[in-house]
C-alpha atoms as a PDB file:
ATOM      1  CA  UNK A   1       0.003  -5.927 -12.853  1.00  0.00           C
ATOM      2  CA  UNK A   2       2.756  -8.011 -13.539  1.00  0.00           C
ATOM      3  CA  UNK A   3       3.296 -10.369 -10.331  1.00  0.00           C
ATOM      4  CA  UNK A   4       6.206 -12.116 -11.497  1.00  0.00           C
ATOM      5  CA  UNK A   5       9.855 -11.197 -10.822  1.00  0.00           C
ATOM      6  CA  UNK A   6      13.045 -12.714 -12.199  1.00  0.00           C
ATOM      7  CA  UNK A   7      16.695 -12.794 -10.812  1.00  0.00           C
ATOM      8  CA  UNK A   8      20.012 -13.902 -12.508  1.00  0.00           C
ATOM      9  CA  UNK A   9      22.733 -14.278 -10.184  1.00  0.00           C
ATOM     10  CA  UNK A  10      26.257 -13.932 -11.838  1.00  0.00           C
ATOM     11  CA  UNK A  11      28.541 -16.963 -10.599  1.00  0.00           C
ATOM     12  CA  UNK A  12      30.622 -16.872 -13.658  1.00  0.00           C
ATOM     13  CA  UNK A  13      33.567 -16.176 -11.337  1.00  0.00           C
ATOM     14  CA  UNK A  14      34.269 -15.968  -7.960  1.00  0.00           C
ATOM     15  CA  UNK A  15      34.491 -12.274  -7.210  1.00  0.00           C
ATOM     16  CA  UNK A  16      31.256 -11.583  -9.599  1.00  0.00           C
ATOM     17  CA  UNK A  17      28.630  -9.992  -7.235  1.00  0.00           C
ATOM     18  CA  UNK A  18      26.121  -8.794 -10.013  1.00  0.00           C
ATOM     19  CA  UNK A  19      22.840  -9.666  -9.504  1.00  0.00           C
ATOM     20  CA  UNK A  20      19.934  -8.684 -11.811  1.00  0.00           C
ATOM     21  CA  UNK A  21      16.233  -8.380 -11.074  1.00  0.00           C
ATOM     22  CA  UNK A  22      13.276  -8.145 -13.571  1.00  0.00           C
ATOM     23  CA  UNK A  23       9.619  -8.161 -14.097  1.00  0.00           C
ATOM     24  CA  UNK A  24      10.000  -9.658 -17.265  1.00  0.00           C
ATOM     25  CA  UNK A  25      11.281 -12.752 -18.438  1.00  0.00           C
ATOM     26  CA  UNK A  26      12.594 -11.742 -21.767  1.00  0.00           C
ATOM     27  CA  UNK A  27      14.599  -9.181 -20.371  1.00  0.00           C
ATOM     28  CA  UNK A  28      16.268 -11.135 -17.582  1.00  0.00           C
ATOM     29  CA  UNK A  29      17.502 -13.707 -20.384  1.00  0.00           C
ATOM     30  CA  UNK A  30      18.684 -10.368 -22.429  1.00  0.00           C
ATOM     31  CA  UNK A  31      20.478  -8.786 -19.468  1.00  0.00           C
ATOM     32  CA  UNK A  32      22.112 -11.817 -18.523  1.00  0.00           C
ATOM     33  CA  UNK A  33      23.386 -12.420 -21.562  1.00  0.00           C
ATOM     34  CA  UNK A  34      24.740  -8.823 -21.783  1.00  0.00           C
ATOM     35  CA  UNK A  35      26.406  -9.095 -18.604  1.00  0.00           C
ATOM     36  CA  UNK A  36      28.438 -12.051 -19.481  1.00  0.00           C
ATOM     37  CA  UNK A  37      29.281 -11.049 -22.996  1.00  0.00           C
ATOM     38  CA  UNK A  38      30.527  -7.486 -21.827  1.00  0.00           C
ATOM     39  CA  UNK A  39      32.212  -8.105 -18.763  1.00  0.00           C
ATOM     40  CA  UNK A  40      32.924 -11.757 -18.704  1.00  0.00           C
ATOM     41  CA  UNK A  41      33.286 -11.676 -22.687  1.00  0.00           C
ATOM     42  CA  UNK A  42      31.521 -15.271 -22.826  1.00  0.00           C
ATOM     43  CA  UNK A  43      28.791 -15.460 -25.663  1.00  0.00           C
ATOM     44  CA  UNK A  44      25.983 -18.019 -24.110  1.00  0.00           C
ATOM     45  CA  UNK A  45      22.483 -18.953 -25.127  1.00  0.00           C
ATOM     46  CA  UNK A  46      19.044 -18.772 -23.393  1.00  0.00           C
ATOM     47  CA  UNK A  47      19.661 -22.863 -22.727  1.00  0.00           C
ATOM     48  CA  UNK A  48      22.783 -21.932 -20.553  1.00  0.00           C
ATOM     49  CA  UNK A  49      21.600 -19.041 -18.776  1.00  0.00           C
ATOM     50  CA  UNK A  50      18.176 -20.906 -17.932  1.00  0.00           C
ATOM     51  CA  UNK A  51      19.634 -23.087 -14.703  1.00  0.00           C
ATOM     52  CA  UNK A  52      20.448 -19.261 -13.318  1.00  0.00           C
ATOM     53  CA  UNK A  53      17.144 -17.741 -13.400  1.00  0.00           C
ATOM     54  CA  UNK A  54      15.473 -17.958 -10.847  1.00  0.00           C
ATOM     55  CA  UNK A  55      11.532 -16.931 -10.652  1.00  0.00           C
ATOM     56  CA  UNK A  56      10.871 -15.276  -7.258  1.00  0.00           C
END
């Protein structure tokens, strides 16, 4: 049973209201990178995303 959950809230642009939840830390980083690349055209590293990942 997974007890942790992770959340990424996009703050790349003012009108983006995407929030991603995951029970797995690895997949939250993957989802955040994918969103930033596909929607905002930004290639980012895990280190750049880390401050925006919140453990719930």
